[in-house]
Amino acid sequence: MVAAIYLADEEPTAWAEWYRALAEIAMPPTHGMPRDLWRWTIAASDIADLSTPAKLARLDLPVPSPLRRTWPSFQAAGEELHRKGYLGVLYPSAARPDHQALCLFREGGLIPGAEPERPPSSIEIRLHRRLACIPKNEGPAQCRALASPVRRRAHCN
């Protein structure tokens, strides 16, 4: 197994990939908060470009789908590309197929050819409870709690 970091072409793609990964392990998004969203500067040139269906087909890979059972063939291809000296793989996002994701292989704690930009955006979702009363035809109102997510953005040093 090769250690890696996964990046996306834009913020909505990063969130879509993150939500997809959480859904596969049946974890509510609020259990993964707060989160820091980082921007990275990529200067690596030894990236395998599998960004189109034709390029994927050269390695007998399908277009990525959000299903975990399709991952083993992609992981095997990534491990082989790592052995051949590539620093990462550019591929279509499984969560947003018209967008791209980038897997960069880690060497120990280092990610060759990549630097994070500071500061990250910290994202926190807090659930505020409010009471909604739904009156019945006859008798007292029946009440239930509703959760409404509130998103707050702040910068961290």
C-alpha atoms as a PDB file:
ATOM      1  CA  MET A   1       0.000   0.000   0.000  1.00  0.00           C
ATOM      2  CA  VAL A   2       1.236   3.478  -0.912  1.00  0.00           C
ATOM      3  CA  ALA A   3       0.469   6.469   1.331  1.00  0.00           C
ATOM      4  CA  ALA A   4      -1.113   9.377  -0.521  1.00  0.00           C
ATOM      5  CA  ILE A   5      -3.003  12.637  -0.236  1.00  0.00           C
ATOM      6  CA  TYR A   6      -6.024  13.363  -2.397  1.00  0.00           C
ATOM      7  CA  LEU A   7      -6.672  16.818  -3.864  1.00  0.00           C
ATOM      8  CA  ALA A   8      -9.424  18.226  -6.080  1.00  0.00           C
ATOM      9  CA  ASP A   9      -9.603  20.769  -8.897  1.00  0.00           C
ATOM     10  CA  GLU A  10     -11.991  23.033  -6.960  1.00  0.00           C
ATOM     11  CA  GLU A  11     -13.646  23.327  -3.561  1.00  0.00           C
ATOM     12  CA  PRO A  12     -17.022  21.750  -4.523  1.00  0.00           C
ATOM     13  CA  THR A  13     -15.165  18.705  -5.884  1.00  0.00           C
ATOM     14  CA  ALA A  14     -13.208  18.346  -2.634  1.00  0.00           C
ATOM     15  CA  TRP A  15     -16.433  18.452  -0.604  1.00  0.00           C
ATOM     16  CA  ALA A  16     -18.205  16.018  -2.953  1.00  0.00           C
ATOM     17  CA  GLU A  17     -15.336  13.519  -2.651  1.00  0.00           C
ATOM     18  CA  TRP A  18     -15.278  13.931   1.131  1.00  0.00           C
ATOM     19  CA  TYR A  19     -19.060  13.438   1.473  1.00  0.00           C
ATOM     20  CA  ARG A  20     -18.846  10.392  -0.829  1.00  0.00           C
ATOM     21  CA  ALA A  21     -16.123   8.841   1.328  1.00  0.00           C
ATOM     22  CA  LEU A  22     -18.126   9.474   4.517  1.00  0.00           C
ATOM     23  CA  ALA A  23     -21.277   7.995   2.983  1.00  0.00           C
ATOM     24  CA  GLU A  24     -19.419   4.790   2.140  1.00  0.00           C
ATOM     25  CA  ILE A  25     -18.511   4.254   5.774  1.00  0.00           C
ATOM     26  CA  ALA A  26     -21.964   5.385   6.952  1.00  0.00           C
ATOM     27  CA  MET A  27     -20.617   8.359   8.902  1.00  0.00           C
ATOM     28  CA  PRO A  28     -22.754  11.510   9.137  1.00  0.00           C
ATOM     29  CA  PRO A  29     -20.887  14.617   7.887  1.00  0.00           C
ATOM     30  CA  THR A  30     -21.264  16.310  11.268  1.00  0.00           C
ATOM     31  CA  HIS A  31     -19.104  13.579  12.828  1.00  0.00           C
ATOM     32  CA  GLY A  32     -16.224  14.634  10.593  1.00  0.00           C
ATOM     33  CA  MET A  33     -16.292  18.286  11.575  1.00  0.00           C
ATOM     34  CA  PRO A  34     -14.584  20.619  12.031  1.00  0.00           C
ATOM     35  CA  ARG A  35     -12.438  20.331   8.899  1.00  0.00           C
ATOM     36  CA  ASP A  36      -9.652  22.452   7.453  1.00  0.00           C
ATOM     37  CA  LEU A  37      -9.751  23.077   3.718  1.00  0.00           C
ATOM     38  CA  TRP A  38      -6.239  23.653   2.331  1.00  0.00           C
ATOM     39  CA  ARG A  39      -5.073  24.987  -1.013  1.00  0.00           C
ATOM     40  CA  TRP A  40      -1.897  23.434  -2.403  1.00  0.00           C
ATOM     41  CA  THR A  41       0.693  24.584  -4.926  1.00  0.00           C
ATOM     42  CA  ILE A  42       1.694  21.657  -7.129  1.00  0.00           C
ATOM     43  CA  ALA A  43       5.057  21.785  -8.909  1.00  0.00           C
ATOM     44  CA  ALA A  44       5.446  18.060  -9.609  1.00  0.00           C
ATOM     45  CA  SER A  45       5.860  17.133 -13.266  1.00  0.00           C
ATOM     46  CA  ASP A  46       5.976  13.346 -12.947  1.00  0.00           C
ATOM     47  CA  ILE A  47       2.203  12.931 -12.709  1.00  0.00           C
ATOM     48  CA  ALA A  48       0.452  10.092 -14.549  1.00  0.00           C
ATOM     49  CA  ASP A  49      -2.389  11.659 -16.555  1.00  0.00           C
ATOM     50  CA  LEU A  50      -5.440   9.383 -16.435  1.00  0.00           C
ATOM     51  CA  SER A  51      -7.857  12.296 -16.759  1.00  0.00           C
ATOM     52  CA  THR A  52      -9.952  10.965 -19.654  1.00  0.00           C
ATOM     53  CA  PRO A  53     -11.811   7.695 -20.339  1.00  0.00           C
ATOM     54  CA  ALA A  54      -9.368   6.941 -23.195  1.00  0.00           C
ATOM     55  CA  LYS A  55      -6.340   7.346 -20.920  1.00  0.00           C
ATOM     56  CA  LEU A  56      -7.971   5.186 -18.240  1.00  0.00           C
ATOM     57  CA  ALA A  57      -8.731   2.507 -20.848  1.00  0.00           C
ATOM     58  CA  ARG A  58      -5.013   2.184 -21.656  1.00  0.00           C
ATOM     59  CA  LEU A  59      -4.619   0.689 -18.166  1.00  0.00           C
ATOM     60  CA  ASP A  60      -7.894  -1.280 -18.457  1.00  0.00           C
ATOM     61  CA  LEU A  61      -9.554   1.024 -15.931  1.00  0.00           C
ATOM     62  CA  PRO A  62     -13.174   2.185 -16.142  1.00  0.00           C
ATOM     63  CA  VAL A  63     -14.312   5.726 -15.440  1.00  0.00           C
ATOM     64  CA  PRO A  64     -14.289   6.018 -11.619  1.00  0.00           C
ATOM     65  CA  SER A  65     -17.603   5.496  -9.870  1.00  0.00           C
ATOM     66  CA  PRO A  66     -18.442   6.342  -6.269  1.00  0.00           C
ATOM     67  CA  LEU A  67     -18.634   2.675  -5.286  1.00  0.00           C
ATOM     68  CA  ARG A  68     -15.931   1.295  -3.013  1.00  0.00           C
ATOM     69  CA  ARG A  69     -15.940  -2.102  -4.767  1.00  0.00           C
ATOM     70  CA  THR A  70     -14.381  -0.446  -7.843  1.00  0.00           C
ATOM     71  CA  TRP A  71     -11.368   0.858  -5.905  1.00  0.00           C
ATOM     72  CA  PRO A  72      -9.046  -2.202  -5.923  1.00  0.00           C
ATOM     73  CA  SER A  73      -8.203  -1.894  -9.628  1.00  0.00           C
ATOM     74  CA  PHE A  74      -7.441   1.818  -9.202  1.00  0.00           C
ATOM     75  CA  GLN A  75      -5.302   1.157  -6.125  1.00  0.00           C
ATOM     76  CA  ALA A  76      -3.342  -1.536  -7.966  1.00  0.00           C
ATOM     77  CA  ALA A  77      -2.773   0.845 -10.907  1.00  0.00           C
ATOM     78  CA  GLY A  78      -1.650   3.597  -8.513  1.00  0.00           C
ATOM     79  CA  GLU A  79       0.795   1.273  -6.777  1.00  0.00           C
ATOM     80  CA  GLU A  80       2.252   0.234 -10.140  1.00  0.00           C
ATOM     81  CA  LEU A  81       2.594   3.856 -11.256  1.00  0.00           C
ATOM     82  CA  HIS A  82       4.325   4.646  -7.946  1.00  0.00           C
ATOM     83  CA  ARG A  83       6.782   1.775  -8.538  1.00  0.00           C
ATOM     84  CA  LYS A  84       7.501   3.241 -11.993  1.00  0.00           C
ATOM     85  CA  GLY A  85       8.512   6.556 -10.390  1.00  0.00           C
ATOM     86  CA  TYR A  86       5.414   8.704 -10.823  1.00  0.00           C
ATOM     87  CA  LEU A  87       4.727  11.199  -8.032  1.00  0.00           C
ATOM     88  CA  GLY A  88       0.948  11.028  -8.447  1.00  0.00           C
ATOM     89  CA  VAL A  89      -2.077  10.397 -10.643  1.00  0.00           C
ATOM     90  CA  LEU A  90      -4.541  12.873 -12.201  1.00  0.00           C
ATOM     91  CA  TYR A  91      -7.962  11.260 -12.702  1.00  0.00           C
ATOM     92  CA  PRO A  92     -11.685  12.078 -13.079  1.00  0.00           C
ATOM     93  CA  SER A  93     -13.455  12.634  -9.760  1.00  0.00           C
ATOM     94  CA  ALA A  94     -15.737   9.751  -8.798  1.00  0.00           C
ATOM     95  CA  ALA A  95     -18.116  12.188  -7.110  1.00  0.00           C
ATOM     96  CA  ARG A  96     -18.090  14.838  -9.881  1.00  0.00           C
ATOM     97  CA  PRO A  97     -17.092  13.109 -13.159  1.00  0.00           C
ATOM     98  CA  ASP A  98     -16.714  16.384 -15.079  1.00  0.00           C
ATOM     99  CA  HIS A  99     -14.015  17.452 -12.622  1.00  0.00           C
ATOM    100  CA  GLN A 100     -10.604  16.132 -11.689  1.00  0.00           C
ATOM    101  CA  ALA A 101      -8.873  14.850  -8.616  1.00  0.00           C
ATOM    102  CA  LEU A 102      -5.182  14.386  -7.964  1.00  0.00           C
ATOM    103  CA  CYS A 103      -3.610  11.645  -5.878  1.00  0.00           C
ATOM    104  CA  LEU A 104      -0.089  12.564  -4.738  1.00  0.00           C
ATOM    105  CA  PHE A 105       2.069   9.804  -3.268  1.00  0.00           C
ATOM    106  CA  ARG A 106       3.670  10.519   0.088  1.00  0.00           C
ATOM    107  CA  GLU A 107       7.239   9.589   0.875  1.00  0.00           C
ATOM    108  CA  GLY A 108       7.275   9.301   4.651  1.00  0.00           C
ATOM    109  CA  GLY A 109       5.761  12.578   5.804  1.00  0.00           C
ATOM    110  CA  LEU A 110       6.772  14.423   2.633  1.00  0.00           C
ATOM    111  CA  ILE A 111       4.751  15.067  -0.502  1.00  0.00           C
ATOM    112  CA  PRO A 112       7.310  15.721  -3.256  1.00  0.00           C
ATOM    113  CA  GLY A 113       6.424  18.635  -5.541  1.00  0.00           C
ATOM    114  CA  ALA A 114       3.597  19.970  -3.377  1.00  0.00           C
ATOM    115  CA  GLU A 115       3.354  22.720  -0.776  1.00  0.00           C
ATOM    116  CA  PRO A 116       0.307  23.768   1.247  1.00  0.00           C
ATOM    117  CA  GLU A 117      -0.701  27.418   1.092  1.00  0.00           C
ATOM    118  CA  ARG A 118      -1.410  29.007   4.457  1.00  0.00           C
ATOM    119  CA  PRO A 119      -3.713  29.611   6.173  1.00  0.00           C
ATOM    120  CA  PRO A 120      -6.367  26.944   5.641  1.00  0.00           C
ATOM    121  CA  SER A 121     -10.085  27.669   5.766  1.00  0.00           C
ATOM    122  CA  SER A 122     -11.585  26.073   8.849  1.00  0.00           C
ATOM    123  CA  ILE A 123     -15.077  24.752   8.313  1.00  0.00           C
ATOM    124  CA  GLU A 124     -17.358  23.940  11.200  1.00  0.00           C
ATOM    125  CA  ILE A 125     -20.949  22.790  11.087  1.00  0.00           C
ATOM    126  CA  ARG A 126     -22.957  23.269  14.243  1.00  0.00           C
ATOM    127  CA  LEU A 127     -26.452  21.933  14.600  1.00  0.00           C
ATOM    128  CA  HIS A 128     -28.913  24.340  16.164  1.00  0.00           C
ATOM    129  CA  ARG A 129     -32.032  22.712  17.445  1.00  0.00           C
ATOM    130  CA  ARG A 130     -35.333  24.372  16.941  1.00  0.00           C
ATOM    131  CA  LEU A 131     -38.775  23.124  17.765  1.00  0.00           C
ATOM    132  CA  ALA A 132     -41.340  22.722  15.041  1.00  0.00           C
ATOM    133  CA  CYS A 133     -44.918  22.153  16.091  1.00  0.00           C
ATOM    134  CA  ILE A 134     -47.119  20.170  13.787  1.00  0.00           C
ATOM    135  CA  PRO A 135     -50.745  20.495  14.913  1.00  0.00           C
ATOM    136  CA  LYS A 136     -52.958  17.426  14.744  1.00  0.00           C
ATOM    137  CA  ASN A 137     -56.521  17.685  13.576  1.00  0.00           C
ATOM    138  CA  GLU A 138     -57.848  17.315  17.081  1.00  0.00           C
ATOM    139  CA  GLY A 139     -56.004  17.711  20.338  1.00  0.00           C
ATOM    140  CA  PRO A 140     -52.680  19.240  21.398  1.00  0.00           C
ATOM    141  CA  ALA A 141     -49.877  20.030  18.989  1.00  0.00           C
ATOM    142  CA  GLN A 142     -47.274  17.331  18.389  1.00  0.00           C
ATOM    143  CA  CYS A 143     -43.752  18.739  18.449  1.00  0.00           C
ATOM    144  CA  ARG A 144     -40.491  17.400  17.054  1.00  0.00           C
ATOM    145  CA  ALA A 145     -36.950  18.702  17.002  1.00  0.00           C
ATOM    146  CA  LEU A 146     -35.463  19.686  13.662  1.00  0.00           C
ATOM    147  CA  ALA A 147     -31.757  20.084  13.022  1.00  0.00           C
ATOM    148  CA  SER A 148     -30.614  22.905  10.780  1.00  0.00           C
ATOM    149  CA  PRO A 149     -26.926  23.070   9.849  1.00  0.00           C
ATOM    150  CA  VAL A 150     -25.162  26.391  10.189  1.00  0.00           C
ATOM    151  CA  ARG A 151     -21.822  26.792   8.412  1.00  0.00           C
ATOM    152  CA  ARG A 152     -19.163  29.117   9.785  1.00  0.00           C
ATOM    153  CA  ARG A 153     -15.904  29.891   8.042  1.00  0.00           C
ATOM    154  CA  ALA A 154     -12.820  31.220   9.725  1.00  0.00           C
ATOM    155  CA  HIS A 155      -9.137  31.323   8.965  1.00  0.00           C
ATOM    156  CA  CYS A 156      -6.594  29.610  11.176  1.00  0.00           C
ATOM    157  CA  ASN A 157      -2.906  30.453  11.517  1.00  0.00           C
END
